[in-house]
Amino acid sequence: MPFEPENLAHDQLASVQAAVSAEPELESSSISVSMVGRSVLLQGFAVGYGDREKATAIAALIAARRMCTTGCRTANS
């Protein structure tokens, strides 16, 4: 299979989605994961600041910190 950026982006997206949904501490949060260009975008609602940071950290482990953006809201925002 030849290297294609679309395949890499799809694999990254699937990996981040699986990792965020498998994290038991984020169970009560509603976070969706999408790609905008080569960046991972987290959107939705996190129960608190810690949950938002946890989801961002999970995404950053898979897709480098500079490529992660969060638009998640918390109960306090």
C-alpha atoms as a PDB file:
ATOM      1  CA  MET A   1       0.000   0.000   0.000  1.00  0.00           C
ATOM      2  CA  PRO A   2       1.548   3.330  -1.011  1.00  0.00           C
ATOM      3  CA  PHE A   3       1.817   6.149   1.508  1.00  0.00           C
ATOM      4  CA  GLU A   4      -1.086   8.546   1.160  1.00  0.00           C
ATOM      5  CA  PRO A   5      -1.771  11.433   3.546  1.00  0.00           C
ATOM      6  CA  GLU A   6      -5.492  10.603   3.552  1.00  0.00           C
ATOM      7  CA  ASN A   7      -4.773   7.116   4.896  1.00  0.00           C
ATOM      8  CA  LEU A   8      -2.571   8.526   7.651  1.00  0.00           C
ATOM      9  CA  ALA A   9      -5.226  11.078   8.628  1.00  0.00           C
ATOM     10  CA  HIS A  10      -7.946   8.407   8.702  1.00  0.00           C
ATOM     11  CA  ASP A  11      -5.761   6.111  10.841  1.00  0.00           C
ATOM     12  CA  GLN A  12      -4.962   8.971  13.238  1.00  0.00           C
ATOM     13  CA  LEU A  13      -8.613   9.940  13.487  1.00  0.00           C
ATOM     14  CA  ALA A  14      -9.676   6.355  14.207  1.00  0.00           C
ATOM     15  CA  SER A  15      -6.898   5.943  16.791  1.00  0.00           C
ATOM     16  CA  VAL A  16      -7.787   9.147  18.652  1.00  0.00           C
ATOM     17  CA  GLN A  17     -11.525   8.335  18.580  1.00  0.00           C
ATOM     18  CA  ALA A  18     -10.872   4.866  19.988  1.00  0.00           C
ATOM     19  CA  ALA A  19      -8.514   6.122  22.690  1.00  0.00           C
ATOM     20  CA  VAL A  20     -10.837   8.927  23.854  1.00  0.00           C
ATOM     21  CA  SER A  21     -13.892   6.659  23.939  1.00  0.00           C
ATOM     22  CA  ALA A  22     -11.959   3.914  25.779  1.00  0.00           C
ATOM     23  CA  GLU A  23     -10.785   6.237  28.571  1.00  0.00           C
ATOM     24  CA  PRO A  24     -12.978   5.384  31.596  1.00  0.00           C
ATOM     25  CA  GLU A  25     -12.444   8.775  33.264  1.00  0.00           C
ATOM     26  CA  LEU A  26     -14.104  10.506  30.275  1.00  0.00           C
ATOM     27  CA  GLU A  27     -17.219   8.340  30.452  1.00  0.00           C
ATOM     28  CA  SER A  28     -19.612  11.159  31.317  1.00  0.00           C
ATOM     29  CA  SER A  29     -18.114  13.605  28.830  1.00  0.00           C
ATOM     30  CA  SER A  30     -19.460  14.051  25.319  1.00  0.00           C
ATOM     31  CA  ILE A  31     -16.408  14.628  23.125  1.00  0.00           C
ATOM     32  CA  SER A  32     -16.337  14.194  19.367  1.00  0.00           C
ATOM     33  CA  VAL A  33     -13.126  13.847  17.407  1.00  0.00           C
ATOM     34  CA  SER A  34     -12.646  15.090  13.842  1.00  0.00           C
ATOM     35  CA  MET A  35      -9.867  16.128  11.494  1.00  0.00           C
ATOM     36  CA  VAL A  36      -9.426  19.569   9.986  1.00  0.00           C
ATOM     37  CA  GLY A  37      -6.660  19.259   7.457  1.00  0.00           C
ATOM     38  CA  ARG A  38      -3.883  17.488   9.342  1.00  0.00           C
ATOM     39  CA  SER A  39      -5.055  18.654  12.775  1.00  0.00           C
ATOM     40  CA  VAL A  40      -7.138  16.714  15.288  1.00  0.00           C
ATOM     41  CA  LEU A  41     -10.110  18.704  16.566  1.00  0.00           C
ATOM     42  CA  LEU A  42     -11.864  17.825  19.832  1.00  0.00           C
ATOM     43  CA  GLN A  43     -15.340  19.284  20.274  1.00  0.00           C
ATOM     44  CA  GLY A  44     -18.192  18.834  22.675  1.00  0.00           C
ATOM     45  CA  PHE A  45     -18.651  18.926  26.428  1.00  0.00           C
ATOM     46  CA  ALA A  46     -16.247  17.819  29.150  1.00  0.00           C
ATOM     47  CA  VAL A  47     -17.436  17.523  32.736  1.00  0.00           C
ATOM     48  CA  GLY A  48     -14.526  19.623  33.996  1.00  0.00           C
ATOM     49  CA  TYR A  49     -11.227  21.188  33.089  1.00  0.00           C
ATOM     50  CA  GLY A  50      -9.391  17.973  34.010  1.00  0.00           C
ATOM     51  CA  ASP A  51     -11.479  15.935  31.560  1.00  0.00           C
ATOM     52  CA  ARG A  52     -10.811  18.437  28.789  1.00  0.00           C
ATOM     53  CA  GLU A  53      -7.078  18.307  29.465  1.00  0.00           C
ATOM     54  CA  LYS A  54      -7.144  14.498  29.662  1.00  0.00           C
ATOM     55  CA  ALA A  55      -8.827  14.245  26.240  1.00  0.00           C
ATOM     56  CA  THR A  56      -6.323  16.720  24.769  1.00  0.00           C
ATOM     57  CA  ALA A  57      -3.409  14.754  26.250  1.00  0.00           C
ATOM     58  CA  ILE A  58      -4.725  11.493  24.779  1.00  0.00           C
ATOM     59  CA  ALA A  59      -5.020  13.096  21.341  1.00  0.00           C
ATOM     60  CA  ALA A  60      -1.549  14.619  21.663  1.00  0.00           C
ATOM     61  CA  LEU A  61      -0.006  11.230  22.423  1.00  0.00           C
ATOM     62  CA  ILE A  62      -1.301   9.958  19.101  1.00  0.00           C
ATOM     63  CA  ALA A  63      -1.116  13.050  16.914  1.00  0.00           C
ATOM     64  CA  ALA A  64       1.565  15.381  18.338  1.00  0.00           C
ATOM     65  CA  ARG A  65       0.561  18.277  20.604  1.00  0.00           C
ATOM     66  CA  ARG A  66       0.921  20.951  17.909  1.00  0.00           C
ATOM     67  CA  MET A  67      -1.702  19.165  15.801  1.00  0.00           C
ATOM     68  CA  CYS A  68      -4.412  19.058  18.485  1.00  0.00           C
ATOM     69  CA  THR A  69      -7.049  21.710  19.015  1.00  0.00           C
ATOM     70  CA  THR A  70      -9.826  21.604  21.555  1.00  0.00           C
ATOM     71  CA  GLY A  71     -13.134  23.370  21.354  1.00  0.00           C
ATOM     72  CA  CYS A  72     -14.554  21.474  24.320  1.00  0.00           C
ATOM     73  CA  ARG A  73     -16.652  23.335  26.828  1.00  0.00           C
ATOM     74  CA  THR A  74     -16.642  22.532  30.515  1.00  0.00           C
ATOM     75  CA  ALA A  75     -19.300  22.936  33.169  1.00  0.00           C
ATOM     76  CA  ASN A  76     -17.542  26.126  34.321  1.00  0.00           C
ATOM     77  CA  SER A  77     -17.173  27.755  30.900  1.00  0.00           C
END
